[in-house]
PDB file of N, CA and C in Angstrom:
ATOM      1  N   MET A   1       8.792  -1.441  -0.195  1.00  0.00           N
ATOM      2  CA  MET A   1       6.927  -1.306  -0.143  1.00  0.00           C
ATOM      3  C   MET A   1       6.712  -0.561  -1.723  1.00  0.00           C
ATOM      4  N   LEU A   2       7.274   0.447  -1.559  1.00  0.00           N
ATOM      5  CA  LEU A   2       6.739   1.247  -2.247  1.00  0.00           C
ATOM      6  C   LEU A   2       6.734   1.495  -3.951  1.00  0.00           C
ATOM      7  N   SER A   3       7.697  -0.296  -3.893  1.00  0.00           N
ATOM      8  CA  SER A   3       7.672  -1.065  -5.613  1.00  0.00           C
ATOM      9  C   SER A   3       6.080  -1.690  -5.251  1.00  0.00           C
ATOM     10  N   PHE A   4       5.834  -2.512  -4.237  1.00  0.00           N
ATOM     11  CA  PHE A   4       4.444  -2.921  -4.681  1.00  0.00           C
ATOM     12  C   PHE A   4       3.465  -2.407  -4.823  1.00  0.00           C
ATOM     13  N   VAL A   5       3.404  -1.446  -3.858  1.00  0.00           N
ATOM     14  CA  VAL A   5       2.306  -0.344  -4.783  1.00  0.00           C
ATOM     15  C   VAL A   5       2.375   0.219  -5.820  1.00  0.00           C
ATOM     16  N   LYS A   6       3.859   0.640  -6.345  1.00  0.00           N
ATOM     17  CA  LYS A   6       3.543   1.375  -7.778  1.00  0.00           C
ATOM     18  C   LYS A   6       2.734   0.043  -8.304  1.00  0.00           C
ATOM     19  N   ALA A   7       2.736  -0.997  -8.338  1.00  0.00           N
ATOM     20  CA  ALA A   7       2.809  -1.916  -9.478  1.00  0.00           C
ATOM     21  C   ALA A   7       1.493  -2.670  -9.084  1.00  0.00           C
ATOM     22  N   ALA A   8       0.569  -2.383  -8.054  1.00  0.00           N
ATOM     23  CA  ALA A   8      -0.278  -2.351  -7.614  1.00  0.00           C
ATOM     24  C   ALA A   8      -1.606  -1.211  -8.735  1.00  0.00           C
ATOM     25  N   SER A   9      -0.991  -0.351  -8.638  1.00  0.00           N
ATOM     26  CA  SER A   9      -1.454   0.827  -8.615  1.00  0.00           C
ATOM     27  C   SER A   9      -1.767   0.318 -10.888  1.00  0.00           C
ATOM     28  N   ARG A  10      -0.029   0.398 -11.055  1.00  0.00           N
ATOM     29  CA  ARG A  10      -0.107   0.226 -12.149  1.00  0.00           C
ATOM     30  C   ARG A  10      -1.040  -0.548 -13.119  1.00  0.00           C
ATOM     31  N   ALA A  11      -1.433  -1.974 -12.378  1.00  0.00           N
ATOM     32  CA  ALA A  11      -2.399  -3.154 -12.681  1.00  0.00           C
ATOM     33  C   ALA A  11      -3.539  -2.631 -12.805  1.00  0.00           C
ATOM     34  N   GLY A  12      -3.787  -1.838 -11.814  1.00  0.00           N
ATOM     35  CA  GLY A  12      -5.016  -0.872 -11.965  1.00  0.00           C
ATOM     36  C   GLY A  12      -5.832  -1.851 -10.947  1.00  0.00           C
ATOM     37  N   VAL A  13      -5.179  -2.591  -9.774  1.00  0.00           N
ATOM     38  CA  VAL A  13      -5.651  -3.518  -8.998  1.00  0.00           C
ATOM     39  C   VAL A  13      -6.488  -2.301  -7.472  1.00  0.00           C
ATOM     40  N   MET A  14      -5.371  -2.093  -7.210  1.00  0.00           N
ATOM     41  CA  MET A  14      -6.125  -0.409  -5.544  1.00  0.00           C
ATOM     42  C   MET A  14      -7.424   0.073  -6.784  1.00  0.00           C
ATOM     43  N   ASP A  15      -7.649   0.469  -5.654  1.00  0.00           N
ATOM     44  CA  ASP A  15      -9.362   1.556  -6.229  1.00  0.00           C
ATOM     45  C   ASP A  15      -8.903   1.867  -4.906  1.00  0.00           C
ATOM     46  N   GLU A  16     -10.400   2.225  -5.005  1.00  0.00           N
ATOM     47  CA  GLU A  16     -11.342   2.826  -3.391  1.00  0.00           C
ATOM     48  C   GLU A  16     -11.597   1.509  -3.719  1.00  0.00           C
ATOM     49  N   GLY A  17     -10.830   1.868  -2.220  1.00  0.00           N
ATOM     50  CA  GLY A  17     -12.728   0.575  -1.434  1.00  0.00           C
ATOM     51  C   GLY A  17     -11.226  -1.241  -0.686  1.00  0.00           C
ATOM     52  N   THR A  18     -10.277  -1.236  -2.479  1.00  0.00           N
ATOM     53  CA  THR A  18      -9.311  -2.125  -1.641  1.00  0.00           C
ATOM     54  C   THR A  18      -8.875  -2.719  -0.492  1.00  0.00           C
ATOM     55  N   LEU A  19      -8.349  -3.692   0.210  1.00  0.00           N
ATOM     56  CA  LEU A  19      -8.337  -3.511   2.119  1.00  0.00           C
ATOM     57  C   LEU A  19      -6.089  -4.514   0.710  1.00  0.00           C
ATOM     58  N   ILE A  20      -5.998  -3.049   1.815  1.00  0.00           N
ATOM     59  CA  ILE A  20      -4.290  -3.666   2.215  1.00  0.00           C
ATOM     60  C   ILE A  20      -4.405  -4.135   3.692  1.00  0.00           C
ATOM     61  N   GLU A  21      -3.066  -5.342   3.404  1.00  0.00           N
ATOM     62  CA  GLU A  21      -2.998  -6.391   4.373  1.00  0.00           C
ATOM     63  C   GLU A  21      -1.730  -6.462   4.467  1.00  0.00           C
ATOM     64  N   ILE A  22      -1.335  -5.927   6.060  1.00  0.00           N
ATOM     65  CA  ILE A  22      -0.134  -6.564   6.243  1.00  0.00           C
ATOM     66  C   ILE A  22       0.685  -6.871   7.418  1.00  0.00           C
ATOM     67  N   THR A  23       1.246  -8.395   6.835  1.00  0.00           N
ATOM     68  CA  THR A  23       1.748  -9.290   8.070  1.00  0.00           C
ATOM     69  C   THR A  23       3.354  -8.817   7.851  1.00  0.00           C
ATOM     70  N   VAL A  24       3.684  -8.517   9.353  1.00  0.00           N
ATOM     71  CA  VAL A  24       5.528  -8.408   9.910  1.00  0.00           C
ATOM     72  C   VAL A  24       6.148  -9.943  10.884  1.00  0.00           C
ATOM     73  N   THR A  25       6.479 -11.040  10.191  1.00  0.00           N
ATOM     74  CA  THR A  25       6.936 -11.952  11.094  1.00  0.00           C
ATOM     75  C   THR A  25       8.182 -11.467  11.332  1.00  0.00           C
ATOM     76  N   SER A  26       8.082 -11.922  13.038  1.00  0.00           N
ATOM     77  CA  SER A  26       9.774 -11.045  13.340  1.00  0.00           C
ATOM     78  C   SER A  26      10.484 -12.869  13.114  1.00  0.00           C
ATOM     79  N   SER A  27      11.751 -13.077  13.213  1.00  0.00           N
ATOM     80  CA  SER A  27      12.746 -14.248  12.779  1.00  0.00           C
ATOM     81  C   SER A  27      12.719 -15.513  13.590  1.00  0.00           C
ATOM     82  N   THR A  28      11.316 -15.070  15.182  1.00  0.00           N
ATOM     83  CA  THR A  28      11.733 -15.963  16.417  1.00  0.00           C
ATOM     84  C   THR A  28       9.714 -16.397  15.941  1.00  0.00           C
ATOM     85  N   GLY A  29       9.111 -16.072  14.988  1.00  0.00           N
ATOM     86  CA  GLY A  29       8.409 -16.904  14.735  1.00  0.00           C
ATOM     87  C   GLY A  29       7.138 -15.564  15.063  1.00  0.00           C
ATOM     88  N   GLN A  30       7.191 -14.872  15.817  1.00  0.00           N
ATOM     89  CA  GLN A  30       6.152 -13.076  16.572  1.00  0.00           C
ATOM     90  C   GLN A  30       5.931 -12.417  15.234  1.00  0.00           C
ATOM     91  N   THR A  31       3.811 -13.003  14.756  1.00  0.00           N
ATOM     92  CA  THR A  31       3.458 -12.325  14.115  1.00  0.00           C
ATOM     93  C   THR A  31       2.375 -10.999  14.308  1.00  0.00           C
ATOM     94  N   ILE A  32       2.423  -9.523  13.505  1.00  0.00           N
ATOM     95  CA  ILE A  32       1.145  -8.679  14.257  1.00  0.00           C
ATOM     96  C   ILE A  32       0.780  -8.880  13.124  1.00  0.00           C
ATOM     97  N   SER A  33      -0.525  -8.794  12.827  1.00  0.00           N
ATOM     98  CA  SER A  33      -1.500  -7.953  11.562  1.00  0.00           C
ATOM     99  C   SER A  33      -1.623  -6.354  11.498  1.00  0.00           C
ATOM    100  N   SER A  34      -2.370  -5.554  10.658  1.00  0.00           N
ATOM    101  CA  SER A  34      -3.422  -5.289  10.351  1.00  0.00           C
ATOM    102  C   SER A  34      -3.444  -5.120   9.168  1.00  0.00           C
ATOM    103  N   ASN A  35      -4.590  -3.827   9.158  1.00  0.00           N
ATOM    104  CA  ASN A  35      -5.413  -3.490   7.412  1.00  0.00           C
ATOM    105  C   ASN A  35      -5.495  -2.453   7.279  1.00  0.00           C
ATOM    106  N   ILE A  36      -5.894  -2.105   5.926  1.00  0.00           N
ATOM    107  CA  ILE A  36      -6.524  -0.604   6.308  1.00  0.00           C
ATOM    108  C   ILE A  36      -7.493  -1.092   4.911  1.00  0.00           C
ATOM    109  N   ARG A  37      -8.255  -0.204   4.672  1.00  0.00           N
ATOM    110  CA  ARG A  37      -9.266   0.712   3.627  1.00  0.00           C
ATOM    111  C   ARG A  37      -9.084   1.811   3.412  1.00  0.00           C
ATOM    112  N   VAL A  38      -8.280   2.074   1.754  1.00  0.00           N
ATOM    113  CA  VAL A  38      -7.949   2.764   1.082  1.00  0.00           C
ATOM    114  C   VAL A  38      -9.222   3.697   0.525  1.00  0.00           C
ATOM    115  N   LYS A  39      -8.828   4.609   1.056  1.00  0.00           N
ATOM    116  CA  LYS A  39      -9.900   5.869   0.581  1.00  0.00           C
ATOM    117  C   LYS A  39      -9.021   6.999  -0.667  1.00  0.00           C
ATOM    118  N   GLN A  40     -10.385   7.372  -1.231  1.00  0.00           N
ATOM    119  CA  GLN A  40      -9.450   9.036  -2.134  1.00  0.00           C
ATOM    120  C   GLN A  40      -8.687   9.131  -1.489  1.00  0.00           C
ATOM    121  N   SER A  41      -8.342   9.714  -0.699  1.00  0.00           N
ATOM    122  CA  SER A  41      -7.773  10.200   0.027  1.00  0.00           C
ATOM    123  C   SER A  41      -6.644  10.017  -0.126  1.00  0.00           C
ATOM    124  N   ASP A  42      -6.346   8.562   0.515  1.00  0.00           N
ATOM    125  CA  ASP A  42      -5.675   8.076   0.458  1.00  0.00           C
ATOM    126  C   ASP A  42      -4.074   7.774  -1.384  1.00  0.00           C
ATOM    127  N   LEU A  43      -5.145   7.481  -2.066  1.00  0.00           N
ATOM    128  CA  LEU A  43      -5.260   6.952  -3.881  1.00  0.00           C
ATOM    129  C   LEU A  43      -4.717   8.655  -3.182  1.00  0.00           C
ATOM    130  N   GLU A  44      -4.910   9.651  -3.387  1.00  0.00           N
ATOM    131  CA  GLU A  44      -4.156  11.024  -4.102  1.00  0.00           C
ATOM    132  C   GLU A  44      -3.442  10.682  -3.500  1.00  0.00           C
ATOM    133  N   PHE A  45      -3.040  10.378  -1.895  1.00  0.00           N
ATOM    134  CA  PHE A  45      -1.664  11.093  -1.021  1.00  0.00           C
ATOM    135  C   PHE A  45       0.026   9.617  -2.227  1.00  0.00           C
ATOM    136  N   LEU A  46      -1.097   8.548  -2.734  1.00  0.00           N
ATOM    137  CA  LEU A  46       0.392   7.761  -2.750  1.00  0.00           C
ATOM    138  C   LEU A  46       0.238   7.674  -4.530  1.00  0.00           C
ATOM    139  N   GLY A  47      -0.420   9.148  -4.672  1.00  0.00           N
ATOM    140  CA  GLY A  47      -0.352   9.402  -6.263  1.00  0.00           C
ATOM    141  C   GLY A  47       1.368  10.255  -6.476  1.00  0.00           C
ATOM    142  N   ALA A  48       0.662  11.053  -5.038  1.00  0.00           N
ATOM    143  CA  ALA A  48       1.738  12.287  -4.782  1.00  0.00           C
ATOM    144  C   ALA A  48       2.973  12.172  -3.999  1.00  0.00           C
ATOM    145  N   LEU A  49       3.366  11.317  -3.493  1.00  0.00           N
ATOM    146  CA  LEU A  49       4.193  10.155  -3.090  1.00  0.00           C
ATOM    147  C   LEU A  49       4.474   9.794  -4.663  1.00  0.00           C
ATOM    148  N   LYS A  50       3.908   9.101  -5.250  1.00  0.00           N
ATOM    149  CA  LYS A  50       4.859   8.152  -6.247  1.00  0.00           C
ATOM    150  C   LYS A  50       5.098   9.348  -7.874  1.00  0.00           C
ATOM    151  N   ASP A  51       4.881  10.912  -7.982  1.00  0.00           N
ATOM    152  CA  ASP A  51       5.650  11.077  -8.043  1.00  0.00           C
ATOM    153  C   ASP A  51       6.246  12.619  -7.598  1.00  0.00           C
ATOM    154  N   ALA A  52       6.132  12.918  -6.410  1.00  0.00           N
ATOM    155  CA  ALA A  52       7.574  13.104  -6.091  1.00  0.00           C
ATOM    156  C   ALA A  52       8.845  11.969  -5.375  1.00  0.00           C
ATOM    157  N   LEU A  53       9.084  10.697  -5.547  1.00  0.00           N
ATOM    158  CA  LEU A  53      10.086   9.920  -5.080  1.00  0.00           C
ATOM    159  C   LEU A  53       9.775  10.071  -7.360  1.00  0.00           C
ATOM    160  N   GLU A  54       9.806   9.913  -7.756  1.00  0.00           N
ATOM    161  CA  GLU A  54       9.840   9.815  -9.403  1.00  0.00           C
ATOM    162  C   GLU A  54      11.258  10.867 -10.657  1.00  0.00           C
ATOM    163  N   ASP A  55      10.570  12.344  -9.308  1.00  0.00           N
ATOM    164  CA  ASP A  55      11.434  13.308  -9.775  1.00  0.00           C
ATOM    165  C   ASP A  55      13.072  13.442  -9.508  1.00  0.00           C
TER     166      ASP A  55
END
């Protein structure tokens, strides 16, 4: 998932107000979905996390 977030950040796709939706589907076909609206604090957190993982 972090690879996806990195790619979205590099592509300039993710900014404040972006909607991230995640759906998990089990091997039996059962699904659960959720979404978040990205805030500035989320962008700052993800940036710090990305920097920490690159060191």
